[in-house]
N, C-alpha and C. Protein backbone atom coordinates (compact mmCIF):
# COMPACT_ATOMS: atom_id res chain seq x y z
N MET A 1 -14.10 17.68 33.22
CA MET A 1 -14.54 16.97 32.23
C MET A 1 -13.61 16.55 31.15
N GLY A 2 -12.44 17.64 31.29
CA GLY A 2 -11.39 17.18 30.21
C GLY A 2 -10.95 15.62 30.45
N LEU A 3 -10.99 15.20 31.72
CA LEU A 3 -9.95 14.41 32.23
C LEU A 3 -10.82 12.96 31.96
N ILE A 4 -11.85 12.96 31.30
CA ILE A 4 -12.84 11.85 31.22
C ILE A 4 -12.70 11.49 29.90
N SER A 5 -12.48 10.27 29.88
CA SER A 5 -12.15 9.70 28.54
C SER A 5 -12.77 8.21 28.08
N VAL A 6 -12.90 8.12 26.85
CA VAL A 6 -13.42 6.51 26.49
C VAL A 6 -12.14 5.72 26.12
N ASP A 7 -11.88 4.60 26.70
CA ASP A 7 -10.93 3.70 26.73
C ASP A 7 -11.08 2.64 25.64
N GLY A 8 -10.09 2.11 25.17
CA GLY A 8 -10.30 0.77 24.14
C GLY A 8 -11.45 0.02 24.26
N ASP A 9 -12.02 -0.57 25.53
CA ASP A 9 -12.79 -1.35 25.85
C ASP A 9 -14.75 -0.37 26.02
N GLY A 10 -14.43 0.99 25.43
CA GLY A 10 -15.85 1.42 25.71
C GLY A 10 -16.29 1.89 27.02
N LYS A 11 -15.34 1.84 27.65
CA LYS A 11 -15.78 2.53 29.43
C LYS A 11 -15.03 3.90 29.45
N ARG A 12 -15.92 4.43 30.00
CA ARG A 12 -14.98 6.03 30.56
C ARG A 12 -14.34 5.62 31.69
N ILE A 13 -12.96 6.46 31.65
CA ILE A 13 -11.81 6.38 32.52
C ILE A 13 -11.42 7.72 32.98
N LEU A 14 -10.76 7.86 33.71
CA LEU A 14 -9.66 9.03 34.12
C LEU A 14 -8.95 8.93 33.36
N ASP A 15 -8.55 10.10 32.46
CA ASP A 15 -7.25 10.08 31.32
C ASP A 15 -6.57 10.99 31.96
N TYR A 16 -5.81 10.49 32.99
CA TYR A 16 -4.55 11.32 33.40
C TYR A 16 -3.29 11.26 32.46
N LEU A 17 -2.99 11.08 31.66
CA LEU A 17 -2.04 11.45 30.60
C LEU A 17 -2.24 11.55 29.27
N GLY A 18 -4.01 12.33 29.26
CA GLY A 18 -4.29 12.59 28.00
C GLY A 18 -4.01 14.28 27.92
N PRO A 19 -4.41 14.87 26.80
CA PRO A 19 -4.46 16.54 26.39
C PRO A 19 -4.32 17.13 27.26
N VAL A 20 -5.43 17.09 28.08
CA VAL A 20 -5.92 18.32 29.17
C VAL A 20 -4.73 18.42 30.36
N VAL A 21 -4.13 17.02 30.84
CA VAL A 21 -3.11 17.46 31.59
C VAL A 21 -1.65 17.59 30.87
N LEU A 22 -1.60 17.91 29.67
CA LEU A 22 -0.29 18.41 28.86
C LEU A 22 -0.23 19.87 28.74
N GLU A 23 -1.68 20.19 29.06
CA GLU A 23 -1.88 21.73 29.09
C GLU A 23 -1.72 22.53 30.48
N ILE A 24 -1.41 21.43 31.71
CA ILE A 24 -1.21 22.15 32.60
C ILE A 24 0.39 22.62 33.08
N PRO A 25 0.99 23.57 33.37
CA PRO A 25 2.08 24.19 33.41
C PRO A 25 3.01 23.62 34.13
N GLY A 26 4.08 23.18 33.80
CA GLY A 26 5.00 22.22 34.40
C GLY A 26 5.28 20.99 33.60
N THR A 27 3.97 20.40 32.70
CA THR A 27 4.66 19.28 32.04
C THR A 27 5.40 19.57 31.07
N ASP A 28 6.64 19.85 31.10
CA ASP A 28 7.67 19.86 30.17
C ASP A 28 8.22 18.48 30.17
N GLN A 29 9.66 18.80 29.28
CA GLN A 29 10.35 17.72 29.27
C GLN A 29 10.89 17.07 30.91
N LYS A 30 11.13 17.73 31.76
CA LYS A 30 11.78 17.34 33.01
C LYS A 30 10.51 16.38 33.53
N ALA A 31 9.37 17.09 33.44
CA ALA A 31 8.19 16.21 34.35
C ALA A 31 7.93 14.80 33.33
N ARG A 32 8.22 14.89 32.07
CA ARG A 32 8.29 13.83 31.53
C ARG A 32 8.74 12.39 31.98
N GLU A 33 10.32 13.14 32.27
CA GLU A 33 11.58 11.93 32.46
C GLU A 33 11.14 11.99 33.78
N LEU A 34 10.56 12.69 34.66
CA LEU A 34 10.50 12.46 36.14
C LEU A 34 9.27 11.74 36.22
N MET A 35 8.36 11.99 35.61
CA MET A 35 6.96 11.21 36.09
C MET A 35 6.28 9.88 35.11
N VAL A 36 6.25 10.48 33.80
CA VAL A 36 5.67 9.60 33.21
C VAL A 36 6.50 8.25 32.82
N LYS A 37 7.78 8.76 32.18
CA LYS A 37 8.71 7.57 32.05
C LYS A 37 8.80 6.53 33.34
N PRO A 38 9.16 6.70 34.56
CA PRO A 38 8.83 6.05 35.63
C PRO A 38 7.99 5.17 35.68
N ALA A 39 6.57 5.56 35.34
CA ALA A 39 5.46 5.28 35.92
C ALA A 39 5.32 4.01 34.34
N TYR A 40 5.70 4.31 33.50
CA TYR A 40 5.53 3.47 32.14
C TYR A 40 6.80 2.22 32.64
N GLU A 41 7.69 2.69 32.90
CA GLU A 41 8.47 1.42 33.46
C GLU A 41 8.22 0.62 34.46
N PHE A 42 7.40 1.21 35.29
CA PHE A 42 6.84 0.39 36.53
C PHE A 42 5.58 -0.74 36.07
N VAL A 43 4.95 -0.21 35.03
CA VAL A 43 3.98 -0.78 34.47
C VAL A 43 4.45 -2.01 33.52
N LEU A 44 5.67 -1.92 33.03
CA LEU A 44 6.33 -2.82 32.46
C LEU A 44 6.95 -4.17 33.18
N SER A 45 7.31 -3.63 34.17
CA SER A 45 8.19 -4.56 35.21
C SER A 45 7.19 -5.38 35.89
N GLU A 46 5.99 -4.82 36.44
CA GLU A 46 4.79 -5.36 36.55
C GLU A 46 3.83 -6.00 35.86
N GLN A 47 3.98 -5.86 34.93
CA GLN A 47 3.44 -6.53 33.77
C GLN A 47 4.05 -8.15 33.54
N GLU A 48 5.51 -7.75 33.52
CA GLU A 48 6.49 -9.23 33.29
C GLU A 48 6.15 -9.84 34.58
N ARG A 49 6.20 -9.31 35.80
CA ARG A 49 5.86 -9.91 36.93
C ARG A 49 4.67 -11.13 36.71
N ILE A 50 3.48 -10.12 36.68
CA ILE A 50 2.25 -10.96 36.42
C ILE A 50 2.34 -12.16 35.71
N ASN A 51 2.82 -11.84 34.41
CA ASN A 51 2.73 -12.91 33.47
C ASN A 51 3.93 -14.05 33.62
N GLU A 52 4.56 -13.80 34.72
CA GLU A 52 5.62 -15.00 35.50
C GLU A 52 4.64 -15.82 36.32
N GLN A 53 3.91 -14.95 37.19
CA GLN A 53 2.83 -15.57 37.93
C GLN A 53 1.62 -16.28 37.34
N GLY A 54 1.41 -16.14 36.09
CA GLY A 54 0.32 -16.96 35.27
C GLY A 54 -1.33 -16.44 35.80
N ASP A 55 -1.39 -15.36 36.23
CA ASP A 55 -2.81 -15.10 36.70
C ASP A 55 -3.57 -14.31 35.68
N PRO A 56 -4.62 -15.16 34.62
CA PRO A 56 -5.09 -14.34 33.53
C PRO A 56 -6.04 -13.62 33.83
N LYS A 57 -6.55 -13.23 35.11
CA LYS A 57 -7.30 -12.10 35.22
C LYS A 57 -6.27 -10.78 35.40
N LEU A 58 -5.00 -10.92 36.11
CA LEU A 58 -4.42 -9.77 36.04
C LEU A 58 -3.23 -9.55 35.25
N ILE A 59 -3.21 -10.67 34.18
CA ILE A 59 -2.53 -10.72 32.77
C ILE A 59 -3.36 -9.41 31.90
N ALA A 60 -4.72 -9.75 31.90
CA ALA A 60 -5.67 -8.90 31.28
C ALA A 60 -5.32 -7.44 31.61
N ARG A 61 -5.71 -7.36 32.50
CA ARG A 61 -5.82 -5.86 33.42
C ARG A 61 -4.61 -5.21 33.06
N TYR A 62 -3.08 -5.94 33.37
CA TYR A 62 -1.91 -5.03 33.04
C TYR A 62 -1.64 -4.85 31.51
N GLN A 63 -2.29 -5.97 30.69
CA GLN A 63 -2.19 -5.30 29.34
C GLN A 63 -3.14 -4.05 28.93
N ALA A 64 -4.17 -4.10 29.60
CA ALA A 64 -4.92 -3.07 29.15
C ALA A 64 -4.46 -1.64 29.61
N PHE A 65 -3.83 -1.75 31.00
CA PHE A 65 -2.66 -0.50 31.54
C PHE A 65 -1.73 -0.29 30.50
N ARG A 66 -1.21 -1.40 30.08
CA ARG A 66 -0.11 -1.24 29.05
C ARG A 66 -0.42 -0.22 27.84
N ASP A 67 -1.37 -0.86 27.28
CA ASP A 67 -2.18 -0.37 25.85
C ASP A 67 -2.40 0.94 26.13
N TYR A 68 -2.94 1.51 27.57
CA TYR A 68 -3.35 2.59 27.66
C TYR A 68 -2.11 3.70 27.56
N PHE A 69 -1.15 3.32 28.53
CA PHE A 69 0.12 3.81 28.61
C PHE A 69 0.63 4.38 27.20
N GLU A 70 0.60 3.23 26.27
CA GLU A 70 1.51 3.19 25.19
C GLU A 70 0.51 3.91 24.08
N SER A 71 -0.43 4.39 24.06
CA SER A 71 -1.34 4.86 23.26
C SER A 71 -1.12 6.51 23.79
N ARG A 72 -0.84 6.54 24.99
CA ARG A 72 -0.49 8.25 25.30
C ARG A 72 0.95 8.72 25.20
N LEU A 73 1.97 7.94 25.13
CA LEU A 73 3.20 7.93 25.31
C LEU A 73 3.47 9.08 24.10
N PRO A 74 3.12 8.99 22.97
CA PRO A 74 3.77 9.87 21.83
C PRO A 74 3.37 11.42 22.35
N SER A 75 2.29 11.50 23.04
CA SER A 75 1.76 13.06 23.43
C SER A 75 2.75 13.51 24.25
N TRP A 76 3.30 12.46 25.04
CA TRP A 76 4.50 12.88 25.93
C TRP A 76 5.86 13.09 25.57
N GLY A 77 6.21 12.77 24.21
CA GLY A 77 7.29 12.65 23.41
C GLY A 77 8.19 11.53 24.08
N LEU A 78 7.80 10.44 24.18
CA LEU A 78 8.29 9.15 24.74
C LEU A 78 7.94 7.86 23.67
N GLU A 79 8.77 7.02 23.39
CA GLU A 79 8.35 6.01 22.65
C GLU A 79 8.18 4.75 23.51
N ALA A 80 7.14 4.10 23.24
CA ALA A 80 6.49 2.62 23.57
C ALA A 80 8.14 1.69 23.54
N ARG A 81 8.05 0.81 24.49
CA ARG A 81 9.28 -0.78 24.44
C ARG A 81 8.51 -1.46 23.36
N PRO A 82 9.22 -1.98 22.61
CA PRO A 82 8.62 -3.26 21.81
C PRO A 82 8.37 -4.51 22.55
N SER A 83 7.24 -5.25 22.29
CA SER A 83 6.59 -6.01 23.17
C SER A 83 7.31 -7.18 23.20
């Protein structure tokens, strides 16, 4: 149940970058660099690609996805890239 959280839109989500995950053994700096940072970079690159395509539905979804990632990055010791 600790993996369930309420997102910015008020809906429940699986909070796979939340505080419960940080308590799992092995979520040290190496895990951050090997998992969270590349995933965030992927979200950014896909958001850029989707924005270029101009699909409003996907643009909104990728913005929400980016917002989720960026809300959790400080907990992982990472900084968000400026928009």
